[in-house]
């Protein structure tokens, strides 16, 4: 399922929110460690929540 998410400002950083259904489905908790992997060739970002057999991927296309 593809969902559109907006980048938001939080303090001096930018963030992407996680839909509440994904939080429930993957049992994501505040403070869970997350690994970030960027693939510039495929223009994708993957977040892997450490210690759990779950992961969420965020894909985007380059802007012209």
N, C-alpha and C. Protein backbone atom coordinates (compact mmCIF):
# COMPACT_ATOMS: atom_id res chain seq x y z
N UNK A 1 0.84 -1.17 0.00
CA UNK A 1 0.00 0.00 0.00
C UNK A 1 0.89 1.24 0.00
N UNK A 2 0.63 2.16 -0.88
CA UNK A 2 1.38 3.40 -0.96
C UNK A 2 0.60 4.50 -0.26
N UNK A 3 1.29 5.25 0.57
CA UNK A 3 0.68 6.38 1.24
C UNK A 3 1.56 7.60 1.02
N UNK A 4 0.93 8.74 0.89
CA UNK A 4 1.66 10.00 0.77
C UNK A 4 1.81 10.57 2.17
N UNK A 5 3.03 10.93 2.54
CA UNK A 5 3.31 11.53 3.83
C UNK A 5 3.99 12.86 3.60
N UNK A 6 3.78 13.82 4.46
CA UNK A 6 4.43 15.12 4.35
C UNK A 6 5.61 15.18 5.31
N UNK A 7 6.63 15.92 4.91
CA UNK A 7 7.76 16.19 5.79
C UNK A 7 7.34 17.37 6.67
N UNK A 8 7.54 17.21 7.99
CA UNK A 8 7.15 18.27 8.92
C UNK A 8 8.39 18.77 9.68
N UNK A 9 8.29 19.96 10.20
CA UNK A 9 9.38 20.54 11.00
C UNK A 9 9.12 20.24 12.46
N UNK A 10 10.13 19.75 13.16
CA UNK A 10 10.06 19.50 14.60
C UNK A 10 11.33 20.05 15.22
N UNK A 11 11.19 21.15 15.87
CA UNK A 11 12.38 21.83 16.42
C UNK A 11 13.26 22.30 15.28
N UNK A 12 14.56 21.91 15.32
CA UNK A 12 15.49 22.27 14.24
C UNK A 12 15.64 21.15 13.22
N UNK A 13 14.81 20.13 13.30
CA UNK A 13 14.90 18.96 12.41
C UNK A 13 13.67 18.84 11.54
N UNK A 14 13.76 17.96 10.54
CA UNK A 14 12.60 17.59 9.72
C UNK A 14 12.26 16.14 10.06
N UNK A 15 10.98 15.80 9.94
CA UNK A 15 10.53 14.45 10.29
C UNK A 15 9.45 13.99 9.31
N UNK A 16 9.31 12.69 9.21
CA UNK A 16 8.22 12.07 8.45
C UNK A 16 7.43 11.25 9.45
N UNK A 17 6.14 11.48 9.50
CA UNK A 17 5.31 10.76 10.46
C UNK A 17 5.02 9.35 9.97
N UNK A 18 4.71 8.47 10.92
CA UNK A 18 4.35 7.08 10.62
C UNK A 18 2.85 6.95 10.88
N UNK A 19 2.10 6.40 9.93
CA UNK A 19 0.65 6.26 10.13
C UNK A 19 0.34 5.40 11.36
N UNK A 20 -0.71 5.76 12.09
CA UNK A 20 -1.06 5.04 13.32
C UNK A 20 -1.31 3.55 13.07
N UNK A 21 -1.86 3.19 11.91
CA UNK A 21 -2.09 1.77 11.61
C UNK A 21 -0.76 1.01 11.54
N UNK A 22 0.26 1.62 10.92
CA UNK A 22 1.58 0.98 10.84
C UNK A 22 2.19 0.86 12.23
N UNK A 23 2.00 1.87 13.07
CA UNK A 23 2.52 1.82 14.43
C UNK A 23 1.92 0.64 15.17
N UNK A 24 0.62 0.46 15.04
CA UNK A 24 -0.06 -0.67 15.70
C UNK A 24 0.36 -2.00 15.07
N UNK A 25 0.36 -2.09 13.74
CA UNK A 25 0.69 -3.34 13.05
C UNK A 25 2.11 -3.82 13.36
N UNK A 26 3.07 -2.88 13.46
CA UNK A 26 4.46 -3.25 13.68
C UNK A 26 4.87 -3.10 15.15
N UNK A 27 3.91 -2.71 16.01
CA UNK A 27 4.17 -2.55 17.44
C UNK A 27 5.36 -1.61 17.69
N UNK A 28 5.38 -0.48 16.99
CA UNK A 28 6.46 0.50 17.12
C UNK A 28 6.21 1.32 18.38
N UNK A 29 7.25 1.51 19.16
CA UNK A 29 7.16 2.28 20.40
C UNK A 29 8.12 3.46 20.36
N UNK A 30 7.78 4.53 21.05
CA UNK A 30 8.69 5.66 21.18
C UNK A 30 10.00 5.18 21.79
N UNK A 31 11.11 5.60 21.22
CA UNK A 31 12.41 5.20 21.72
C UNK A 31 12.98 3.96 21.06
N UNK A 32 12.20 3.27 20.20
CA UNK A 32 12.73 2.11 19.47
C UNK A 32 13.92 2.55 18.63
N UNK A 33 15.03 1.77 18.63
CA UNK A 33 16.16 2.12 17.76
C UNK A 33 15.79 1.91 16.29
N UNK A 34 16.27 2.81 15.44
CA UNK A 34 15.96 2.75 14.01
C UNK A 34 17.25 2.92 13.22
N UNK A 35 17.44 2.08 12.20
CA UNK A 35 18.58 2.20 11.30
C UNK A 35 18.09 2.83 10.00
N UNK A 36 18.83 3.79 9.48
CA UNK A 36 18.46 4.49 8.25
C UNK A 36 19.43 4.09 7.15
N UNK A 37 18.89 3.67 6.00
CA UNK A 37 19.70 3.30 4.84
C UNK A 37 19.21 4.09 3.64
N UNK A 38 20.11 4.81 2.97
CA UNK A 38 19.74 5.62 1.80
C UNK A 38 20.36 5.00 0.56
N UNK A 39 19.54 4.77 -0.47
CA UNK A 39 20.01 4.25 -1.75
C UNK A 39 19.76 5.34 -2.78
N UNK A 40 20.80 6.08 -3.12
CA UNK A 40 20.65 7.21 -4.05
C UNK A 40 20.38 6.75 -5.47
N UNK A 41 20.84 5.55 -5.83
CA UNK A 41 20.59 5.02 -7.17
C UNK A 41 19.10 4.76 -7.39
N UNK A 42 18.45 4.15 -6.41
CA UNK A 42 17.01 3.86 -6.51
C UNK A 42 16.15 4.98 -5.95
N UNK A 43 16.79 6.02 -5.42
CA UNK A 43 16.10 7.13 -4.78
C UNK A 43 15.12 6.58 -3.74
N UNK A 44 15.65 5.85 -2.76
CA UNK A 44 14.80 5.30 -1.72
C UNK A 44 15.46 5.44 -0.36
N UNK A 45 14.63 5.45 0.65
CA UNK A 45 15.07 5.49 2.04
C UNK A 45 14.39 4.32 2.74
N UNK A 46 15.16 3.56 3.50
CA UNK A 46 14.58 2.44 4.24
C UNK A 46 14.91 2.61 5.72
N UNK A 47 13.90 2.48 6.54
CA UNK A 47 14.07 2.51 7.98
C UNK A 47 13.86 1.08 8.49
N UNK A 48 14.80 0.59 9.27
CA UNK A 48 14.67 -0.73 9.87
C UNK A 48 14.64 -0.55 11.38
N UNK A 49 13.60 -1.04 12.01
CA UNK A 49 13.46 -0.93 13.45
C UNK A 49 14.22 -2.10 14.07
N UNK A 50 15.35 -1.79 14.71
CA UNK A 50 16.28 -2.79 15.24
C UNK A 50 15.64 -3.65 16.33
N UNK A 51 16.09 -4.89 16.36
CA UNK A 51 15.64 -5.80 17.40
C UNK A 51 14.28 -6.42 17.13
N UNK A 52 13.68 -6.08 16.02
CA UNK A 52 12.36 -6.63 15.70
C UNK A 52 12.34 -7.03 14.23
N UNK A 53 11.65 -8.11 13.91
CA UNK A 53 11.57 -8.52 12.50
C UNK A 53 10.55 -7.70 11.72
N UNK A 54 10.72 -6.40 11.72
CA UNK A 54 9.79 -5.51 11.02
C UNK A 54 10.57 -4.40 10.37
N UNK A 55 10.07 -3.90 9.28
CA UNK A 55 10.69 -2.74 8.67
C UNK A 55 9.69 -1.98 7.83
N UNK A 56 9.93 -0.70 7.70
CA UNK A 56 9.09 0.17 6.88
C UNK A 56 9.99 0.79 5.82
N UNK A 57 9.51 0.89 4.62
CA UNK A 57 10.29 1.53 3.55
C UNK A 57 9.58 2.78 3.09
N UNK A 58 10.36 3.80 2.80
CA UNK A 58 9.84 5.03 2.22
C UNK A 58 10.51 5.20 0.88
N UNK A 59 9.74 5.34 -0.18
CA UNK A 59 10.29 5.50 -1.52
C UNK A 59 9.87 6.85 -2.05
N UNK A 60 10.75 7.49 -2.80
CA UNK A 60 10.41 8.77 -3.41
C UNK A 60 11.04 8.85 -4.78
N UNK A 61 10.56 9.77 -5.60
CA UNK A 61 11.16 9.97 -6.92
C UNK A 61 11.83 11.32 -6.96
N UNK A 62 12.87 11.43 -7.79
CA UNK A 62 13.56 12.71 -7.88
C UNK A 62 12.65 13.78 -8.47
N UNK A 63 12.81 15.01 -8.00
CA UNK A 63 12.04 16.13 -8.55
C UNK A 63 12.76 16.67 -9.76
N UNK A 64 12.01 17.05 -10.77
CA UNK A 64 12.59 17.62 -11.98
C UNK A 64 12.72 19.11 -11.85
